[in-house]
Amino acid sequence: MPQTVIYIDGQFYNKNEAKISVYDHGLLYGDGIFEGIRIYNNRIFKLEEHIDRLYDSAKAILLDIGISKAEMIDIHIATARKSGYQNAYIRTLITRGVGNLGIDPNKSEKPSIIVICDEIALYPPEKYTKGLEVITVATQRNGVNMFNASVKSLNYLNNIMGKIEANLAGAGEGIMLNSVGYVTEATADNVFILRNNVIITPPKHLGILAGITRQTIIDLAREHGYQVKEEVITRYDLFVADECFLTGSGAEVISVVKIDGRVIGDGTPGPVTNKLNQIYREYVANNGTEL
C-alpha cells in the first residue's frame, strides 16, 4: 500500500519517525533551499530540471550540497519507489545543517538532505472546474536587489505574508506586485493572462521564480500555435484580461475567474485555459523519469 516516505541524510523514515535537530539552521533561520516535484503515472516529471534548479539555488547561497546531481537523482528515485505512489508530490529540502545559535553559516558542519514523498492537493477539486477568486495583496514581492526570487529559499515569509492577506480576505490566492506596481506572481504560483488571443506572463527580471511548470506551459502553448509573450503586466491588465490562470508544480494549471472583485471573461474558466490544462495533463501523464 502506498505510504509517505521521508529520506533524511541516508536513512528512510515514515511520517511519525522523521525528525531534525532544533539546531538545524533551516529551522532556526530558514537557511536552505527546496524544490517541489510531481509524480504522474509512475514517472517523476522534469526531475533533471528540478535538480538543476536546486543546485543553482545552492550555488547562489554558497551551500555545498556535498553530493553529485546524479546521486541526488538516485535518492529521489529510491524515495519515490519506496513510497509506492504512482501519483504524488516530492518536496526536497537542503538545509545548511546543524550549527550554533548564531547566523554564521560557517558554523554548520554539513548540510542536511531531506526528500519527502507524499500526496498533495493544493486547491479543492471544485476550484479546478469553477476557478479561483483572487486578490492583489499589499505585501510587495521582494525585489531582485533584495533577495532574488530565482532562489527557492526555505525562508518564504514574503509569500506567506501575502497568503495571510488572501486568507483574511477570503480569497483563493493573492497576487503580489513589485515596488513599482507591476504584477510578479501569486504567493505560490506563476501568473498568466490572455488578451486578444495572446498569452502573456511577467518576465523573470521583475522578481519572479521562473517556474518549471510555467516554462512547460509556455513551450506547450507555442507548440500548439498560441502566441506567448513575457511582458510587464499591471493590475489594469489583470482586470481587463479575457482569461487568467495560475501555474505551479503543486497547483498545476488553475483558472482565475475574479480579481479584486472584477469578473474575468464570463466568470468561468476560459476555453484557452481549459485547452492548456488538457494539453498539460496529457503531457505530464506520458513524460518523466520512470520509476
Protein backbone atom coordinates (compact mmCIF):
# COMPACT_ATOMS: atom_id res chain seq x y z
CA MET A 1 0.00 0.00 0.00
CA PRO A 2 1.40 3.48 -0.88
CA GLN A 3 2.76 5.43 2.08
CA THR A 4 4.55 8.64 2.94
CA VAL A 5 8.33 8.12 2.88
CA ILE A 6 10.91 10.62 4.09
CA TYR A 7 14.62 10.40 3.32
CA ILE A 8 16.94 12.20 5.75
CA ASP A 9 20.70 12.01 5.31
CA GLY A 10 20.92 8.42 4.15
CA GLN A 11 18.00 6.89 6.06
CA PHE A 12 14.32 6.38 5.27
CA TYR A 13 11.58 7.17 7.80
CA ASN A 14 7.82 7.20 8.00
CA LYS A 15 5.93 10.39 8.77
CA ASN A 16 5.90 9.88 12.54
CA GLU A 17 9.56 8.95 12.83
CA ALA A 18 11.17 11.72 10.74
CA LYS A 19 12.98 14.28 12.92
CA ILE A 20 15.56 17.06 12.53
CA SER A 21 17.64 18.90 15.12
CA VAL A 22 16.30 22.12 16.64
CA TYR A 23 19.79 23.50 15.93
CA ASP A 24 19.40 22.98 12.19
CA HIS A 25 19.79 26.38 10.54
CA GLY A 26 17.00 25.53 8.12
CA LEU A 27 14.68 25.65 11.14
CA LEU A 28 16.43 28.45 13.05
CA TYR A 29 16.88 30.87 10.16
CA GLY A 30 15.27 29.45 7.03
CA ASP A 31 18.81 28.91 5.76
CA GLY A 32 18.31 26.41 2.97
CA ILE A 33 16.60 25.69 -0.31
CA PHE A 34 13.83 23.48 -1.64
CA GLU A 35 12.09 22.08 -4.70
CA GLY A 36 8.57 20.77 -5.34
CA ILE A 37 8.31 17.93 -7.86
CA ARG A 38 5.36 15.88 -9.11
CA ILE A 39 4.99 12.18 -9.84
CA TYR A 40 2.48 11.36 -12.56
CA ASN A 41 1.62 7.87 -13.74
CA ASN A 42 4.71 6.39 -12.06
CA ARG A 43 7.03 8.97 -13.62
CA ILE A 44 8.86 11.83 -11.90
CA PHE A 45 8.11 14.89 -14.02
CA LYS A 46 11.04 17.12 -15.07
CA LEU A 47 13.30 15.58 -12.42
CA GLU A 48 16.57 16.69 -14.01
CA GLU A 49 15.29 20.25 -14.47
CA HIS A 50 14.28 20.44 -10.81
CA ILE A 51 17.64 19.08 -9.67
CA ASP A 52 19.46 21.58 -11.90
CA ARG A 53 17.49 24.42 -10.29
CA LEU A 54 18.15 23.01 -6.82
CA TYR A 55 21.89 23.14 -7.43
CA ASP A 56 21.63 26.64 -8.92
CA SER A 57 19.88 27.79 -5.74
CA ALA A 58 22.57 26.13 -3.65
CA LYS A 59 25.34 27.84 -5.60
CA ALA A 60 23.66 31.23 -5.21
CA ILE A 61 23.70 30.96 -1.39
CA LEU A 62 27.12 29.25 -1.17
CA LEU A 63 25.65 25.98 0.04
CA ASP A 64 27.73 22.92 -0.85
CA ILE A 65 25.24 20.05 -1.06
CA GLY A 66 28.08 17.55 -0.89
CA ILE A 67 26.85 15.01 -3.44
CA SER A 68 26.59 14.98 -7.23
CA LYS A 69 23.44 15.65 -9.23
CA ALA A 70 23.41 12.01 -10.32
CA GLU A 71 23.45 10.86 -6.69
CA MET A 72 20.67 13.31 -5.87
CA ILE A 73 18.56 11.94 -8.71
CA ASP A 74 19.12 8.39 -7.41
CA ILE A 75 17.92 9.46 -3.94
CA HIS A 76 14.71 10.85 -5.44
CA ILE A 77 14.04 7.73 -7.46
CA ALA A 78 14.70 5.48 -4.44
CA THR A 79 12.41 7.57 -2.20
CA ALA A 80 9.61 7.58 -4.77
CA ARG A 81 9.89 3.84 -5.36
CA LYS A 82 9.88 3.12 -1.64
CA SER A 83 6.69 5.19 -1.20
CA GLY A 84 4.78 3.17 -3.79
CA TYR A 85 2.82 6.21 -5.01
CA GLN A 86 2.05 6.36 -8.72
CA ASN A 87 0.84 9.96 -8.40
CA ALA A 88 2.36 12.11 -5.67
CA TYR A 89 4.41 15.14 -4.69
CA ILE A 90 8.08 15.25 -3.76
CA ARG A 91 9.35 18.04 -1.50
CA THR A 92 13.14 18.29 -1.49
CA LEU A 93 14.91 20.36 1.19
CA ILE A 94 18.59 21.08 1.60
CA THR A 95 19.29 22.85 4.89
CA ARG A 96 22.54 24.46 5.99
CA GLY A 97 22.63 21.80 8.68
CA VAL A 98 23.19 21.75 12.42
CA GLY A 99 25.07 24.74 13.83
CA ASN A 100 25.02 27.00 16.87
CA LEU A 101 22.55 29.75 17.75
CA GLY A 102 24.36 32.34 15.64
CA ILE A 103 23.60 33.01 12.00
CA ASP A 104 27.12 32.31 10.69
CA PRO A 105 26.73 29.56 8.06
CA ASN A 106 30.36 28.54 8.59
CA LYS A 107 29.33 27.15 11.99
CA SER A 108 27.25 24.43 10.33
CA GLU A 109 29.38 21.38 9.65
CA LYS A 110 27.43 19.83 6.77
CA PRO A 111 24.04 20.27 5.06
CA SER A 112 21.06 18.00 5.61
CA ILE A 113 19.32 16.40 2.64
CA ILE A 114 15.61 15.75 3.12
CA VAL A 115 13.30 14.26 0.48
CA ILE A 116 9.60 13.82 1.29
CA CYS A 117 7.26 11.79 -0.93
CA ASP A 118 3.60 12.32 -0.08
CA GLU A 119 0.23 13.20 -1.59
CA ILE A 120 -0.81 16.81 -2.22
CA ALA A 121 -3.97 18.78 -3.00
CA LEU A 122 -3.14 22.48 -3.17
CA TYR A 123 -6.68 23.56 -4.08
CA PRO A 124 -10.04 21.78 -3.65
CA PRO A 125 -11.11 19.82 -6.76
CA GLU A 126 -14.10 22.11 -7.42
CA LYS A 127 -11.77 25.10 -7.85
CA TYR A 128 -10.37 23.48 -10.98
CA THR A 129 -13.81 23.40 -12.58
CA LYS A 130 -15.18 26.69 -11.22
CA GLY A 131 -11.99 28.76 -10.99
CA LEU A 132 -10.42 30.87 -8.25
CA GLU A 133 -11.37 34.27 -6.89
CA VAL A 134 -8.15 36.11 -6.02
CA ILE A 135 -6.97 39.50 -4.80
CA THR A 136 -3.88 41.61 -5.27
CA VAL A 137 -2.15 41.98 -1.92
CA ALA A 138 -0.38 44.89 -0.24
CA THR A 139 2.71 42.85 0.60
CA GLN A 140 5.22 43.59 -2.14
CA ARG A 141 7.30 40.91 -3.80
CA ASN A 142 10.94 41.09 -2.77
CA GLY A 143 12.97 42.96 -5.37
CA VAL A 144 15.80 41.27 -7.25
CA ASN A 145 18.19 43.66 -5.46
CA MET A 146 16.95 42.32 -2.11
CA PHE A 147 16.77 38.54 -2.44
CA ASN A 148 16.40 37.07 -5.90
CA ALA A 149 13.23 35.00 -6.31
CA SER A 150 15.14 32.59 -8.55
CA VAL A 151 16.49 31.08 -5.33
CA LYS A 152 13.86 28.75 -3.87
CA SER A 153 14.73 29.60 -0.30
CA LEU A 154 13.31 27.97 2.82
CA ASN A 155 12.55 31.50 4.04
CA TYR A 156 9.14 32.07 2.45
CA LEU A 157 7.84 34.75 4.79
CA ASN A 158 7.39 37.25 1.96
CA ASN A 159 4.99 34.85 0.23
CA ILE A 160 3.38 33.78 3.49
CA MET A 161 2.52 37.38 4.39
CA GLY A 162 0.80 37.70 1.04
CA LYS A 163 -1.06 34.44 1.63
CA ILE A 164 -2.23 35.70 5.04
CA GLU A 165 -3.76 38.73 3.34
CA ALA A 166 -5.55 36.50 0.83
CA ASN A 167 -6.84 34.26 3.64
CA LEU A 168 -8.13 37.22 5.64
CA ALA A 169 -9.99 38.45 2.56
CA GLY A 170 -11.48 35.01 1.91
CA ALA A 171 -9.69 34.79 -1.44
CA GLY A 172 -8.29 31.65 -3.02
CA GLU A 173 -4.92 33.24 -3.74
CA GLY A 174 -3.02 36.51 -3.55
CA ILE A 175 -1.23 38.16 -6.46
CA MET A 176 1.88 40.10 -5.48
CA LEU A 177 3.15 43.29 -7.10
CA ASN A 178 6.69 44.65 -7.09
CA SER A 179 7.79 48.02 -5.76
CA VAL A 180 6.60 49.91 -8.84
CA GLY A 181 3.25 48.16 -9.10
CA TYR A 182 3.94 45.55 -11.76
CA VAL A 183 2.45 42.07 -11.35
CA THR A 184 5.05 39.48 -10.37
CA GLU A 185 3.46 36.20 -9.27
CA ALA A 186 0.92 34.73 -6.90
CA THR A 187 2.06 33.68 -3.43
CA ALA A 188 2.75 30.14 -4.65
CA ASP A 189 2.18 30.19 -8.43
CA ASN A 190 3.10 31.99 -11.64
CA VAL A 191 0.54 34.24 -13.35
CA PHE A 192 -0.70 34.22 -16.96
CA ILE A 193 -3.35 36.27 -18.73
CA LEU A 194 -4.93 36.02 -22.17
CA ARG A 195 -5.65 39.24 -24.04
CA ASN A 196 -6.69 39.41 -27.72
CA ASN A 197 -5.60 35.77 -28.22
CA VAL A 198 -2.10 36.46 -26.87
CA ILE A 199 -0.89 34.67 -23.72
CA ILE A 200 1.16 36.99 -21.51
CA THR A 201 3.19 36.28 -18.37
CA PRO A 202 5.52 38.56 -16.37
CA PRO A 203 9.24 38.35 -17.26
CA LYS A 204 11.80 36.94 -14.88
CA HIS A 205 13.61 40.24 -14.26
CA LEU A 206 10.59 41.65 -12.38
CA GLY A 207 11.32 39.34 -9.45
CA ILE A 208 9.53 36.08 -10.18
CA LEU A 209 10.50 32.47 -9.83
CA ALA A 210 10.74 31.22 -13.41
CA GLY A 211 8.73 28.11 -12.63
CA ILE A 212 9.30 24.80 -14.39
CA THR A 213 5.54 24.39 -14.85
CA ARG A 214 5.46 27.97 -16.18
CA GLN A 215 8.07 27.13 -18.82
CA THR A 216 6.30 23.88 -19.68
CA ILE A 217 3.07 25.80 -20.34
CA ILE A 218 4.93 28.37 -22.46
CA ASP A 219 6.52 25.60 -24.55
CA LEU A 220 3.31 23.59 -24.93
CA ALA A 221 1.27 26.68 -25.82
CA ARG A 222 3.71 27.66 -28.55
CA GLU A 223 3.82 24.11 -29.89
CA HIS A 224 0.03 24.25 -30.24
CA GLY A 225 0.02 27.53 -32.13
CA TYR A 226 -0.56 30.07 -29.37
CA GLN A 227 1.39 33.31 -29.24
CA VAL A 228 3.12 33.72 -25.87
CA LYS A 229 4.86 36.87 -24.64
CA GLU A 230 6.79 37.68 -21.50
CA GLU A 231 5.76 41.27 -20.81
CA VAL A 232 5.09 43.66 -17.95
CA ILE A 233 1.55 43.32 -16.55
CA THR A 234 -0.28 45.83 -14.35
CA ARG A 235 -3.41 45.43 -12.21
CA TYR A 236 -5.35 47.05 -15.05
CA ASP A 237 -4.16 44.31 -17.41
CA LEU A 238 -5.42 41.71 -14.95
CA PHE A 239 -8.82 43.38 -14.69
CA VAL A 240 -9.42 43.59 -18.46
CA ALA A 241 -7.94 40.18 -19.35
CA ASP A 242 -10.04 37.77 -21.37
CA GLU A 243 -8.71 34.90 -19.25
CA CYS A 244 -6.32 34.45 -16.35
CA PHE A 245 -4.72 31.34 -14.91
CA LEU A 246 -2.01 30.28 -12.46
CA THR A 247 0.61 27.56 -12.83
CA GLY A 248 2.89 25.67 -10.45
CA SER A 249 4.10 22.19 -9.60
CA GLY A 250 1.54 21.99 -6.80
CA ALA A 251 -1.27 23.94 -8.44
CA GLU A 252 -0.67 22.60 -11.98
CA VAL A 253 -2.95 24.82 -14.14
CA ILE A 254 -5.88 26.57 -12.45
CA SER A 255 -8.18 29.29 -13.77
CA VAL A 256 -8.79 32.67 -12.12
CA VAL A 257 -12.34 33.98 -12.62
CA LYS A 258 -12.37 37.07 -10.38
CA ILE A 259 -9.63 39.52 -9.35
CA ASP A 260 -10.27 42.25 -6.75
CA GLY A 261 -13.99 41.91 -7.41
CA ARG A 262 -13.62 42.22 -11.20
CA VAL A 263 -15.07 39.29 -13.16
CA ILE A 264 -12.62 37.86 -15.68
CA GLY A 265 -14.22 36.96 -19.01
CA ASP A 266 -17.62 35.46 -18.36
CA GLY A 267 -16.72 34.37 -14.83
CA THR A 268 -15.91 30.77 -15.75
CA PRO A 269 -12.65 29.06 -16.80
CA GLY A 270 -11.95 30.19 -20.36
CA PRO A 271 -11.54 27.95 -23.42
CA VAL A 272 -7.80 28.61 -23.82
CA THR A 273 -7.14 27.87 -20.14
CA ASN A 274 -9.19 24.68 -20.39
CA LYS A 275 -7.33 23.63 -23.55
CA LEU A 276 -3.92 24.27 -22.00
CA ASN A 277 -4.98 22.36 -18.90
CA GLN A 278 -5.95 19.39 -21.07
CA ILE A 279 -2.69 19.58 -23.05
CA TYR A 280 -0.67 19.83 -19.86
CA ARG A 281 -2.34 16.85 -18.20
CA GLU A 282 -1.84 14.70 -21.29
CA TYR A 283 1.80 15.73 -21.46
CA VAL A 284 2.68 15.06 -17.82
CA ALA A 285 0.97 11.66 -17.92
CA ASN A 286 3.37 10.47 -20.57
CA ASN A 287 6.66 12.19 -19.79
CA GLY A 288 9.18 11.94 -16.98
CA THR A 289 11.74 9.70 -15.31
CA GLU A 290 10.21 6.23 -15.00
CA LEU A 291 10.20 4.57 -11.59
